[in-house]
Structures are given as structure tokens and as C-alpha cells.
Protein backbone atom coordinates (compact mmCIF):
# COMPACT_ATOMS: atom_id res chain seq x y z
CA MET A 1 0.00 0.00 0.00
CA ILE A 2 2.84 2.36 0.92
CA GLN A 3 4.67 1.54 -2.30
CA ARG A 4 1.64 2.61 -4.31
CA LEU A 5 1.82 6.06 -2.68
CA ILE A 6 5.50 6.54 -3.67
CA PRO A 7 5.87 8.35 -7.04
CA THR A 8 7.51 6.20 -9.69
CA GLY A 9 8.86 8.90 -12.03
CA LEU A 10 12.19 10.54 -11.25
CA ARG A 11 10.76 14.05 -11.62
CA ALA A 12 7.84 13.26 -9.32
CA GLN A 13 10.17 11.65 -6.78
CA LEU A 14 12.53 14.63 -6.77
CA ALA A 15 9.64 17.09 -6.50
CA ALA A 16 8.08 15.07 -3.69
CA ALA A 17 11.43 14.83 -1.90
CA ILE A 18 11.98 18.62 -2.14
CA ALA A 19 8.42 19.28 -0.94
CA LEU A 20 8.86 16.88 1.99
CA VAL A 21 12.18 18.44 2.97
CA THR A 22 10.60 21.89 2.77
CA ALA A 23 7.63 20.77 4.85
CA ALA A 24 9.95 19.19 7.43
CA ALA A 25 12.04 22.38 7.62
CA ILE A 26 8.93 24.54 8.01
CA GLY A 27 7.52 22.15 10.62
CA ALA A 28 10.76 22.21 12.61
CA SER A 29 10.90 26.00 12.38
CA PHE A 30 7.27 26.24 13.50
CA LEU A 31 7.83 24.01 16.51
CA ALA A 32 10.91 25.99 17.51
CA LEU A 33 9.10 29.33 17.18
CA TYR A 34 5.88 28.02 18.75
CA ASN A 35 7.63 26.68 21.83
CA GLY A 36 10.04 29.62 21.97
CA THR A 37 7.23 32.16 21.79
CA GLY A 38 5.28 30.41 24.56
CA ALA A 39 8.34 30.15 26.76
CA ARG A 40 9.28 33.79 26.19
CA LEU A 41 5.78 35.09 26.97
CA ARG A 42 5.44 32.89 30.06
CA SER A 43 8.83 34.14 31.21
CA GLN A 44 7.59 37.72 30.85
CA ILE A 45 4.44 36.92 32.84
CA ASP A 46 6.53 35.23 35.57
CA ALA A 47 8.82 38.27 35.73
CA GLN A 48 5.80 40.55 36.09
CA LEU A 49 4.42 38.41 38.93
CA ARG A 50 7.78 38.48 40.74
CA THR A 51 7.93 42.26 40.34
CA GLN A 52 4.52 42.61 41.98
CA ALA A 53 5.57 40.28 44.80
CA GLY A 54 8.57 42.54 45.36
CA GLU A 55 6.30 45.57 45.44
CA TRP A 56 4.17 43.82 48.10
CA ARG A 57 7.24 43.23 50.25
CA LEU A 58 8.29 46.88 49.91
CA LEU A 59 4.80 48.12 50.76
CA THR A 60 4.41 45.91 53.84
CA THR A 61 7.85 46.66 55.25
CA GLY A 62 7.25 48.30 58.60
CA ALA A 63 3.47 47.84 58.31
CA ASP A 64 1.44 46.45 61.21
CA LEU A 65 0.50 42.92 60.12
CA SER A 66 0.01 41.52 63.61
CA SER A 67 -3.78 41.45 63.33
CA PRO A 68 -6.14 40.33 60.52
CA ALA A 69 -7.43 43.91 60.25
CA GLY A 70 -3.87 45.15 59.69
CA VAL A 71 -3.28 42.59 56.95
CA GLU A 72 -6.55 43.55 55.26
CA ARG A 73 -5.62 47.26 55.36
CA ALA A 74 -2.21 46.49 53.84
CA ALA A 75 -3.87 44.35 51.14
CA ARG A 76 -6.36 47.09 50.15
CA ARG A 77 -3.55 49.67 50.08
CA PHE A 78 -1.44 47.37 47.85
CA ILE A 79 -4.33 46.71 45.44
CA ALA A 80 -4.98 50.44 45.22
CA THR A 81 -1.38 50.99 44.07
CA GLN A 82 -1.67 48.40 41.28
CA ARG A 83 -3.99 50.42 39.03
CA TYR A 84 -1.22 50.85 36.41
CA HIS A 85 -1.06 47.08 35.82
CA ALA A 86 -3.20 45.31 33.24
CA GLU A 87 -6.79 44.69 34.28
CA SER A 88 -6.34 41.00 33.62
CA LEU A 89 -3.97 40.74 36.59
CA VAL A 90 -5.68 39.17 39.60
CA THR A 91 -4.44 39.97 43.12
CA ALA A 92 -5.82 38.17 46.17
CA VAL A 93 -4.58 38.31 49.76
CA GLN A 94 -5.88 35.55 52.02
CA VAL A 95 -5.97 36.70 55.64
CA ASN A 96 -5.82 34.05 58.34
CA GLY A 97 -8.79 34.65 60.58
CA GLY A 98 -10.13 37.33 58.23
CA ARG A 99 -11.56 37.89 54.77
CA THR A 100 -9.88 37.55 51.38
CA VAL A 101 -9.05 40.93 49.84
CA SER A 102 -8.78 40.88 46.01
CA SER A 103 -8.65 43.12 42.96
CA ASP A 104 -11.59 41.20 41.41
CA PRO A 105 -13.95 40.19 44.26
CA GLU A 106 -16.54 38.60 41.98
CA LEU A 107 -14.12 36.31 40.17
CA VAL A 108 -12.24 35.45 43.36
CA GLY A 109 -15.50 34.83 45.24
CA ARG A 110 -16.78 32.44 42.56
CA GLU A 111 -13.40 30.69 42.49
CA GLU A 112 -13.50 30.23 46.28
CA ASP A 113 -17.04 28.85 46.10
CA ARG A 114 -16.06 26.50 43.25
CA GLU A 115 -13.01 25.15 45.03
CA ALA A 116 -14.97 24.76 48.25
CA SER A 117 -17.30 22.28 46.52
CA PRO A 118 -16.10 18.69 46.91
CA GLY A 119 -14.76 16.92 43.82
CA THR A 120 -13.82 20.08 41.87
CA PRO A 121 -10.38 20.33 40.31
CA PRO A 122 -7.84 22.55 42.13
CA GLY A 123 -7.53 26.17 41.04
CA LEU A 124 -6.22 29.50 42.26
CA PHE A 125 -6.49 28.75 45.98
CA ALA A 126 -5.05 25.25 45.70
CA ALA A 127 -1.90 26.43 43.92
CA PRO A 128 1.28 25.64 45.89
CA ALA A 129 3.82 28.21 47.04
CA GLY A 130 5.93 29.64 44.26
CA LEU A 131 5.13 29.75 40.54
CA SER A 132 2.68 27.32 38.98
CA THR A 133 -0.07 27.07 36.39
CA ALA A 134 -3.70 26.68 37.44
CA THR A 135 -7.11 26.74 35.80
CA VAL A 136 -9.41 29.46 37.14
CA SER A 137 -13.14 29.51 36.42
CA GLU A 138 -14.15 32.14 33.84
CA ALA A 139 -10.47 33.10 33.38
CA GLY A 140 -8.99 29.92 31.99
CA ARG A 141 -5.38 28.92 32.51
CA MET A 142 -3.33 31.35 34.58
CA ARG A 143 0.20 31.64 35.92
CA VAL A 144 -0.03 31.88 39.70
CA LEU A 145 2.56 33.11 42.18
CA VAL A 146 1.86 32.27 45.83
CA ALA A 147 3.92 33.93 48.61
CA PRO A 148 3.27 33.70 52.35
CA VAL A 149 2.49 36.85 54.38
CA VAL A 150 4.71 36.73 57.45
CA ALA A 151 4.61 38.95 60.57
CA HIS A 152 6.97 38.50 63.51
CA GLY A 153 7.96 35.04 62.26
CA ALA A 154 4.38 33.84 61.93
CA THR A 155 2.38 33.28 58.72
CA VAL A 156 -0.65 35.53 58.83
CA GLY A 157 -1.90 35.06 55.30
CA ALA A 158 -1.00 34.32 51.68
CA LEU A 159 -0.44 36.61 48.68
CA ARG A 160 -1.82 35.15 45.46
CA LEU A 161 -0.99 36.87 42.17
CA ALA A 162 -2.41 35.46 38.93
CA ASN A 163 -2.01 36.46 35.31
CA PRO A 164 -3.91 34.74 32.52
CA LEU A 165 -2.03 32.79 29.82
CA THR A 166 -4.43 34.07 27.18
CA PRO A 167 -1.74 36.22 25.47
CA VAL A 168 0.43 33.12 25.15
CA ALA A 169 -2.37 31.10 23.60
CA GLN A 170 -3.31 33.98 21.27
CA ALA A 171 0.26 34.50 20.14
CA GLN A 172 0.71 30.79 19.51
CA ALA A 173 -2.60 30.56 17.66
CA SER A 174 -1.61 33.52 15.48
CA LEU A 175 1.74 31.89 14.81
CA LEU A 176 -0.02 28.64 13.89
CA ARG A 177 -2.31 30.40 11.40
CA THR A 178 0.59 32.27 9.84
CA PHE A 179 2.70 29.16 9.48
CA ALA A 180 -0.26 27.20 8.12
CA ILE A 181 -0.74 29.74 5.33
CA VAL A 182 2.93 30.44 4.66
CA GLY A 183 3.90 26.79 5.06
CA THR A 184 1.25 25.60 2.62
CA LEU A 185 2.28 28.17 0.04
CA SER A 186 5.96 27.34 0.60
CA VAL A 187 5.40 23.61 0.15
CA LEU A 188 3.41 24.23 -3.05
CA LEU A 189 6.11 26.56 -4.33
CA ALA A 190 8.78 24.02 -3.39
CA ALA A 191 6.88 21.31 -5.26
CA VAL A 192 6.62 23.49 -8.38
CA ALA A 193 10.28 24.49 -8.10
CA GLY A 194 11.17 20.85 -7.47
CA MET A 195 9.39 19.84 -10.66
CA GLY A 196 11.41 22.44 -12.55
CA ILE A 197 14.69 21.38 -10.98
CA ALA A 198 13.81 17.74 -11.49
CA ALA A 199 13.09 18.45 -15.15
CA LEU A 200 16.55 20.01 -15.52
CA ILE A 201 18.16 17.02 -13.84
CA ALA A 202 16.02 14.38 -15.49
CA GLY A 203 16.40 15.84 -19.00
CA PRO A 204 19.96 14.56 -19.50
CA LEU A 205 19.03 11.29 -17.79
CA ARG A 206 16.17 10.84 -20.23
CA ARG A 207 18.61 11.46 -23.07
CA ILE A 208 20.97 8.89 -21.62
CA THR A 209 18.08 6.43 -21.26
CA ALA A 210 17.09 6.97 -24.89
CA VAL A 211 20.70 6.47 -26.00
CA ALA A 212 20.92 3.28 -23.91
CA ALA A 213 17.72 2.00 -25.53
CA ALA A 214 19.14 2.79 -28.98
CA ALA A 215 22.40 1.02 -28.08
CA SER A 216 20.43 -1.98 -26.86
CA ALA A 217 18.67 -2.03 -30.24
CA GLY A 218 22.05 -2.02 -32.00
CA ASP A 219 22.55 1.68 -32.79
CA LEU A 220 25.89 2.69 -31.26
CA SER A 221 26.20 5.98 -33.12
CA THR A 222 23.80 7.99 -30.91
CA ARG A 223 25.31 10.07 -28.12
CA ALA A 224 23.87 11.76 -25.03
CA GLY A 225 25.92 14.88 -25.74
CA PRO A 226 27.44 17.35 -23.28
CA VAL A 227 25.58 18.33 -20.11
CA ALA A 228 25.86 21.79 -18.59
CA GLY A 229 27.83 21.97 -15.36
CA ARG A 230 30.27 19.57 -13.79
CA GLY A 231 27.97 17.50 -11.60
CA GLU A 232 27.44 13.77 -11.42
CA VAL A 233 25.01 13.77 -14.36
CA ALA A 234 27.60 15.50 -16.57
CA VAL A 235 30.21 12.94 -15.51
CA LEU A 236 27.74 10.13 -16.19
CA ALA A 237 26.90 11.48 -19.65
CA ALA A 238 30.58 11.86 -20.54
CA ALA A 239 31.41 8.37 -19.26
CA PHE A 240 28.42 6.90 -21.12
CA ASP A 241 29.39 8.58 -24.38
CA GLY A 242 32.98 7.42 -23.90
CA MET A 243 31.78 3.87 -23.36
CA LEU A 244 29.66 4.00 -26.51
CA GLU A 245 32.61 5.43 -28.43
CA ARG A 246 34.79 2.51 -27.36
CA LEU A 247 32.03 0.01 -28.09
CA GLU A 248 31.46 1.49 -31.53
CA ARG A 249 35.17 1.32 -32.31
CA ALA A 250 35.35 -2.24 -31.00
CA PHE A 251 32.38 -3.38 -33.10
CA LYS A 252 33.79 -1.57 -36.10
CA ARG A 253 37.13 -3.32 -35.64
CA GLN A 254 35.32 -6.60 -35.20
CA ARG A 255 33.35 -6.12 -38.41
CA GLU A 256 36.45 -5.05 -40.28
CA PHE A 257 38.39 -7.96 -38.86
CA VAL A 258 35.74 -10.49 -39.85
CA SER A 259 35.46 -8.94 -43.30
CA ASP A 260 39.21 -8.84 -43.84
CA ALA A 261 39.71 -12.32 -42.41
CA SER A 262 37.02 -13.82 -44.63
CA HIS A 263 38.58 -12.08 -47.62
CA GLU A 264 42.11 -13.20 -46.77
CA LEU A 265 41.10 -16.77 -45.98
CA ARG A 266 39.05 -17.16 -49.14
CA THR A 267 42.08 -17.09 -51.45
CA PRO A 268 44.29 -19.67 -49.68
CA LEU A 269 41.29 -21.92 -49.14
CA ALA A 270 40.45 -21.72 -52.85
CA VAL A 271 44.08 -22.52 -53.72
CA LEU A 272 44.07 -25.45 -51.29
CA ARG A 273 40.89 -26.77 -52.80
CA ALA A 274 42.32 -26.56 -56.30
CA GLN A 275 45.55 -28.28 -55.25
CA VAL A 276 43.65 -31.04 -53.48
CA GLU A 277 41.61 -31.63 -56.64
CA LEU A 278 44.81 -31.75 -58.72
CA LEU A 279 46.40 -34.09 -56.22
CA ASP A 280 43.39 -36.36 -56.42
CA ARG A 281 43.78 -36.63 -60.21
CA GLU A 282 47.58 -36.90 -60.20
CA SER A 283 48.83 -40.43 -60.95
CA ASP A 284 52.55 -39.77 -61.22
CA GLU A 285 54.17 -40.49 -57.85
CA ARG A 286 56.84 -37.79 -58.20
CA ASN A 287 54.36 -35.10 -59.18
CA ARG A 288 52.10 -36.30 -56.41
CA HIS A 289 54.93 -35.87 -53.91
CA GLU A 290 55.67 -32.31 -55.17
CA GLU A 291 52.00 -31.38 -55.00
CA THR A 292 51.84 -32.74 -51.46
CA ALA A 293 54.84 -30.61 -50.43
CA THR A 294 53.24 -27.54 -52.01
CA LEU A 295 50.00 -28.32 -50.21
CA LEU A 296 51.81 -28.56 -46.87
CA ARG A 297 53.51 -25.20 -47.48
CA ARG A 298 50.12 -23.65 -48.17
CA LEU A 299 48.77 -25.17 -44.98
CA ASP A 300 51.71 -23.71 -43.05
CA GLU A 301 50.95 -20.29 -44.53
CA LEU A 302 47.31 -20.65 -43.57
CA ASP A 303 48.32 -21.72 -40.05
CA ARG A 304 50.54 -18.63 -39.70
CA LEU A 305 47.68 -16.43 -40.92
CA VAL A 306 45.29 -17.91 -38.36
CA GLY A 307 47.94 -17.51 -35.65
CA ASP A 308 48.43 -13.85 -36.56
CA MET A 309 44.68 -13.29 -36.48
CA LEU A 310 44.47 -14.90 -33.02
CA THR A 311 47.31 -12.67 -31.83
CA LEU A 312 45.39 -9.58 -32.89
CA ALA A 313 42.24 -10.94 -31.26
CA SER A 314 44.20 -11.39 -28.00
CA ALA A 315 45.37 -7.77 -28.27
CA GLU A 316 41.78 -6.55 -28.47
CA ALA A 317 40.84 -8.67 -25.45
CA GLY A 318 43.69 -7.17 -23.41
CA GLU A 319 45.37 -10.57 -23.01
CA LEU A 320 48.30 -10.09 -25.33
CA ILE A 321 51.26 -9.63 -22.98
CA ASP A 322 52.58 -11.06 -19.73
CA PRO A 323 54.97 -8.34 -18.47
CA ARG A 324 57.94 -8.98 -16.23
CA THR A 325 61.44 -7.56 -15.74
CA ILE A 326 63.66 -8.06 -18.80
CA ASP A 327 67.46 -8.03 -18.65
CA LEU A 328 68.23 -6.02 -21.78
CA GLY A 329 71.77 -7.38 -21.98
CA GLU A 330 70.51 -10.93 -22.43
CA PHE A 331 67.53 -9.90 -24.56
CA LEU A 332 69.56 -7.90 -27.08
CA GLU A 333 72.32 -10.51 -27.15
CA ASP A 334 69.73 -13.11 -28.23
CA VAL A 335 68.60 -10.74 -30.99
CA ARG A 336 72.19 -10.12 -32.13
CA ARG A 337 72.96 -13.84 -32.20
CA ASP A 338 69.92 -14.61 -34.38
CA LEU A 339 70.33 -11.76 -36.90
CA PRO A 340 72.39 -13.78 -39.43
CA LEU A 341 69.59 -16.34 -39.59
CA PHE A 342 67.31 -13.79 -41.31
CA GLY A 343 69.43 -13.56 -44.46
CA ASP A 344 72.70 -12.50 -46.01
CA ARG A 345 72.71 -8.86 -44.93
CA ASP A 346 75.23 -6.48 -43.40
CA PHE A 347 73.73 -6.39 -39.91
CA ARG A 348 74.97 -3.71 -37.48
CA MET A 349 73.78 -3.63 -33.88
CA THR A 350 74.10 -1.13 -31.02
CA ALA A 351 72.94 -2.44 -27.62
CA VAL A 352 72.37 -0.90 -24.21
CA GLY A 353 72.32 -2.34 -20.68
CA GLY A 354 69.64 -2.08 -18.02
CA THR A 355 66.20 -3.53 -17.47
CA LEU A 356 62.76 -3.09 -19.01
CA GLU A 357 59.29 -4.00 -17.78
CA GLY A 358 57.64 -5.97 -20.58
CA ASP A 359 56.92 -9.30 -22.20
CA PRO A 360 60.23 -10.57 -23.64
CA ASP A 361 58.60 -13.07 -25.99
CA ARG A 362 56.24 -10.52 -27.53
CA LEU A 363 58.94 -7.85 -27.81
CA ASN A 364 61.21 -10.39 -29.45
CA GLN A 365 58.37 -11.07 -31.90
CA VAL A 366 58.16 -7.34 -32.71
CA VAL A 367 61.90 -7.00 -33.34
CA ARG A 368 61.94 -10.15 -35.48
CA ASN A 369 58.97 -8.92 -37.54
CA LEU A 370 60.69 -5.59 -38.20
CA VAL A 371 64.05 -7.23 -39.03
CA ARG A 372 62.28 -9.73 -41.29
CA ASN A 373 60.48 -6.83 -42.96
CA ALA A 374 63.83 -4.99 -43.52
CA VAL A 375 65.41 -8.13 -44.98
CA ALA A 376 62.44 -8.65 -47.29
CA HIS A 377 62.94 -5.20 -48.82
CA THR A 378 66.72 -5.25 -49.22
CA ASP A 379 69.18 -7.20 -51.32
CA PRO A 380 71.96 -9.54 -50.15
CA GLY A 381 74.81 -7.51 -48.72
CA ASP A 382 72.67 -4.45 -47.97
CA ARG A 383 72.96 -2.89 -44.55
CA VAL A 384 70.39 -3.34 -41.79
CA ASP A 385 70.92 -1.46 -38.49
CA VAL A 386 69.40 -2.51 -35.16
CA SER A 387 69.99 -0.17 -32.20
CA ALA A 388 68.68 0.31 -28.67
CA ARG A 389 69.23 3.25 -26.33
CA GLY A 390 67.70 4.68 -23.19
CA LEU A 391 65.94 8.06 -23.26
CA ASP A 392 64.45 9.60 -20.07
CA GLY A 393 63.02 6.42 -18.60
CA SER A 394 62.04 4.87 -21.94
CA LEU A 395 63.79 2.50 -24.31
CA GLU A 396 64.06 3.35 -28.00
CA ILE A 397 64.61 0.48 -30.42
CA GLU A 398 65.38 1.41 -34.02
CA ILE A 399 65.51 -0.84 -37.09
CA SER A 400 66.60 0.79 -40.35
CA ASP A 401 67.42 -0.50 -43.81
CA THR A 402 68.76 0.76 -47.12
CA GLY A 403 65.88 -0.51 -49.22
CA PRO A 404 63.59 1.42 -51.58
CA GLY A 405 61.78 3.18 -48.74
CA ILE A 406 58.07 3.77 -48.14
CA PRO A 407 55.95 6.25 -50.12
CA ALA A 408 54.88 9.23 -48.02
CA ASP A 409 51.18 8.51 -48.56
CA GLN A 410 51.64 4.99 -47.17
CA LEU A 411 53.44 5.80 -43.90
CA ASP A 412 50.20 6.22 -41.92
CA ARG A 413 48.67 3.03 -43.29
CA ILE A 414 51.44 0.44 -43.11
CA PHE A 415 50.38 -0.58 -39.59
CA GLU A 416 46.81 -1.34 -40.66
CA ARG A 417 45.67 -4.94 -40.86
CA PHE A 418 46.05 -6.67 -44.22
CA HIS A 419 47.62 -3.54 -45.68
CA ARG A 420 50.23 -4.14 -48.35
CA LEU A 421 52.35 -1.55 -50.06
CA ASP A 422 51.60 -0.68 -53.61
CA PRO A 423 54.33 -1.86 -55.93
CA GLY A 424 56.78 0.84 -55.06
CA ARG A 425 58.64 -0.37 -52.10
CA SER A 426 57.50 -3.06 -53.72
CA ARG A 427 58.38 -6.58 -53.25
CA ASP A 428 55.72 -9.20 -52.77
CA THR A 429 56.84 -11.12 -49.71
CA GLY A 430 53.81 -13.37 -49.74
CA GLY A 431 52.68 -12.20 -46.30
CA ALA A 432 49.13 -11.44 -45.27
CA GLY A 433 49.91 -7.89 -44.21
CA LEU A 434 49.54 -8.58 -40.49
CA GLY A 435 53.15 -8.35 -39.30
CA LEU A 436 53.24 -4.60 -38.74
CA ALA A 437 49.71 -4.61 -37.31
CA ILE A 438 50.80 -7.22 -34.76
CA ALA A 439 53.92 -5.19 -33.96
CA ARG A 440 51.81 -2.11 -33.27
CA ALA A 441 49.37 -4.09 -31.10
CA ILE A 442 52.20 -5.51 -28.97
CA VAL A 443 53.96 -2.15 -28.56
CA GLU A 444 50.72 -0.37 -27.63
CA ALA A 445 49.89 -3.14 -25.14
CA HIS A 446 53.17 -2.17 -23.42
CA GLY A 447 52.06 1.48 -23.32
CA GLY A 448 54.52 2.47 -26.04
CA ARG A 449 54.32 3.59 -29.62
CA ILE A 450 55.76 2.54 -32.96
CA TYR A 451 56.15 4.65 -36.08
CA ALA A 452 58.05 4.71 -39.36
CA GLU A 453 60.13 7.30 -41.16
CA SER A 454 61.25 7.02 -44.73
CA VAL A 455 62.63 8.90 -47.71
CA PRO A 456 61.69 7.02 -50.90
CA GLY A 457 64.81 5.49 -52.45
CA ARG A 458 66.85 5.88 -49.23
CA GLY A 459 65.45 3.17 -47.00
CA ALA A 460 63.08 3.12 -44.05
CA THR A 461 63.45 3.40 -40.28
CA PHE A 462 61.07 1.89 -37.71
CA ARG A 463 61.24 3.27 -34.17
CA ILE A 464 59.75 1.80 -31.00
CA ASP A 465 59.42 3.78 -27.76
CA LEU A 466 58.78 1.64 -24.67
CA PRO A 467 58.24 2.94 -21.10
CA GLY A 468 59.60 1.23 -17.99
CA TYR A 469 63.30 1.38 -18.83
CA ARG A 470 65.88 1.55 -16.04
CA PRO A 471 69.54 2.01 -16.95
CA GLY A 472 72.06 -0.54 -15.76
CA VAL A 473 75.81 -0.73 -15.33
CA ALA A 474 76.44 -2.38 -18.68
CA ALA A 475 78.01 -0.06 -21.23
CA SER A 476 76.58 0.47 -24.67
CA ARG A 477 78.33 -1.35 -27.44
CA SER A 478 78.27 -1.41 -31.21
CA GLU A 479 79.26 -4.39 -33.27
CA ASP A 480 78.64 -6.24 -36.46
CA ALA A 481 76.33 -9.20 -36.22
């Protein structure tokens, strides 16, 4: 039942919350003022009663109070001096063995008769000594001050001063009416203002909801857009748009990857099919053996292509590298030792000592891909330089060759998947065009960057910048491989 009363819309909930907070604040303020006003007015009444009691003591100092007649005379004289006080003030002096002298004989007489009747609630004459609150017939609730009248150490009567609490009740009633009107208007205004504020807050959230619905339906191109201010909603909108941007790029890469992979696999599969058909019709044992060897080479190429594709898929999943501390002396020595295996080239290597945080197997794969690429675009005896040096906490690895170079319009595209140079640099190495894409994925997974520089006809240089380098004691060295 309670849940049905709770608004379900965000705007209604915000408006209701603001209205409730406003109502609670007004209610707390009302209670504080209501109780404070009553206490302040009662304190004023009590102070007035104490002042009159002091005046009684001053008036009766030196007076003859030894007989009831003397007390009555003093009481009438005191009442006569109280004309400047409010008419609502009631003064009564009870005289032991005599009559009660009061400023309002009729009211006091009726009160005495009422209290004399058995079973009636206590009133003015039953009030204890000191200050108290009593209910007096025809006057309502009153603050009463009772003080004994003493003469020569004996109590000869009692002074009773009473002031009605009507001003307190009237002031509190007026305050209640004012707060009821002002509070109601304030709550209504707060609800209207809350609806406006909620609309401002909920507007971007509705946009984000619409974008989320569109994304759920498959449209990743819609964005929530910027939100004014720097609050949580603005941060949410920016984070949501950033997430959609990454998702859109990821799906785009996935579609491109699937498209490129299907295109690249179609050709070797068609060749394999044709060779299998030829092998099936071949009767000559020697030709059959040659066809089988060719078929196995094609299968190896296809296996390498699938492996490269899986490497790139691992890069997108963030599972490409397993970093640890690499001893650069050992790492670069392994590279230097294997350089002659890539081909008959004039290899030159400059190494550096120290350590690097990274995956040695993957970084070795990058260097090998770049060296293999340099060898593929140079002739026997041509020079290929491999160097490593430390620069401000990063390691720079450089592989350069003296081949035909890379056209300027191709430099930004050579790291794309399945990209092959137009016949310019131009040697068909038979690769799938994934080597440089894999190199870039590995370097970027390390937090580094890879780029190429080239002047057509004067070779190409590939540079890798890797963070996490710490220099060691080993000296740099340069030697022929």
C-alpha cells in the first residue's frame, strides 16, 4: 500500500522529496518558534508576577500585620497601588482569621465557592507556594505566584498573584495560522520548483536512457551529448558517451576484422581446394609428392595467418602480454645472435644495458617482424641497423634498412591490418599484411608507440618507444652481427 503512494517517475520523486524536505524544515521552524514564543511570553508573565511580589514586600515593610485587620488594610492599600497594571492581573490576599481581599472580588468569590465544593479540580487557591499554572473559572489557565504573608515570624496570610495565559495562547494561535498559510504556500512553491529542478536534472538522464535503448537495439552511433555543469550527471553522460565510443570502435574493428579475415582466408582456401583436386587426379608419384609438399607449405601459410589473427584478437581482449622484468643485456644478445639467420645482410647492432618492464617473448616477436620486414625489402649484402638506447626512462629500439623506402602517402597506413604496399617499395613477400599490425598491437599493449620514417629510395626506419626502462651498469656497445 505504501509503495503505491510513492511516485515512480524521477521528476515526481525529486519534486516530492523537495516538498517533503521543505515541509519538514517549516515544521521544525514552527515548533521551535511556537515553543520559543510560549516560553518567552510565560517568562515575561513570571517576571511581572515576581515584580509585583517585590512591590508587596516593599509596601508591607514596617506595616502592622500583627492582626487580621492590619493585613486587610495592607492588602487594600497594595491593590490600590496596582492600578497601572493590566486589568487582567488578579491579586488576592488571604488573611488568616479574616476575609480575602482581592482586585476582582466577583471572580475570586466564585473561584473560592467552586473550590470549596467537593470533587472540583484545584484552582487559584489550591496552587502551591511559588510559581505554577492553574485553571481558574471564567479566566482559563493562569500563571499563579503564591507567597506567604509573614509577621513577627508567623504566617498571617497568603499573597496570590495570577495572570492569565491568554496572550500566550493567542500569540501561539496567530503563529499557527501564519505558518499554516505560509507553510502551505511554501510547500506548493517548493513542489513546483522541485518539478522544474527535477526536469533540468532528469532531462539529461532521459537522453541517456534513450541512448541506452538505442544502443540496446544495435545503434551505437547515438550520443547523449554534453551536459551543462560539472555534476554527477555530466560525468555520467561523458562516461556513457565514452563507453559508446569505445564500443562502436570495438564493433567496427570486429566487423572489419571479420570482413578482412574472410577475404584473406578465401584465397588460400580456394588454392588449397584446387591443389587437393589436382592431387586427387595426379597419378605420377613424383608429381604427387611435389603437389603434397606444395599443399603442406600452403597449410603452413594458412596456419601462420590464423595464428596472426588470433594474436590480434588477443590484443583486443587485453590478453596479449605477460609483463615482467627483462634483462636487456641478455635480450639484445639473443637478438644479435639470431640476426644472421634472417638472411645475407650487413647487420649492425648497437645495444644498451639495463632492465625493461615488458613481455620478452612478444617484444622479441616485434623485433623479429621488423628485421624480417627490412630483410624482405633489401638485397643480399645491404645494410640493416638494429639499435637500442635509453631516453628519459624509456627504451628506443630502431631498425633501419637501405631498401627502396616507403611512399609518403603509405606511412600512416602500413600498420593497418592486411595492408600491403603498392608496388613501389614493392616486393611481394607473400605475407598477409599482419606483421606490422601485430607489432603495433604488442607495442601499444606495453604502453609504447611505434612509427616509421622514410625517404623514398633511401630506405626506411622503424622506431619503438617503450616505457619502464631503467639504466644498468652495462656499457653500450656497437658491433657487427
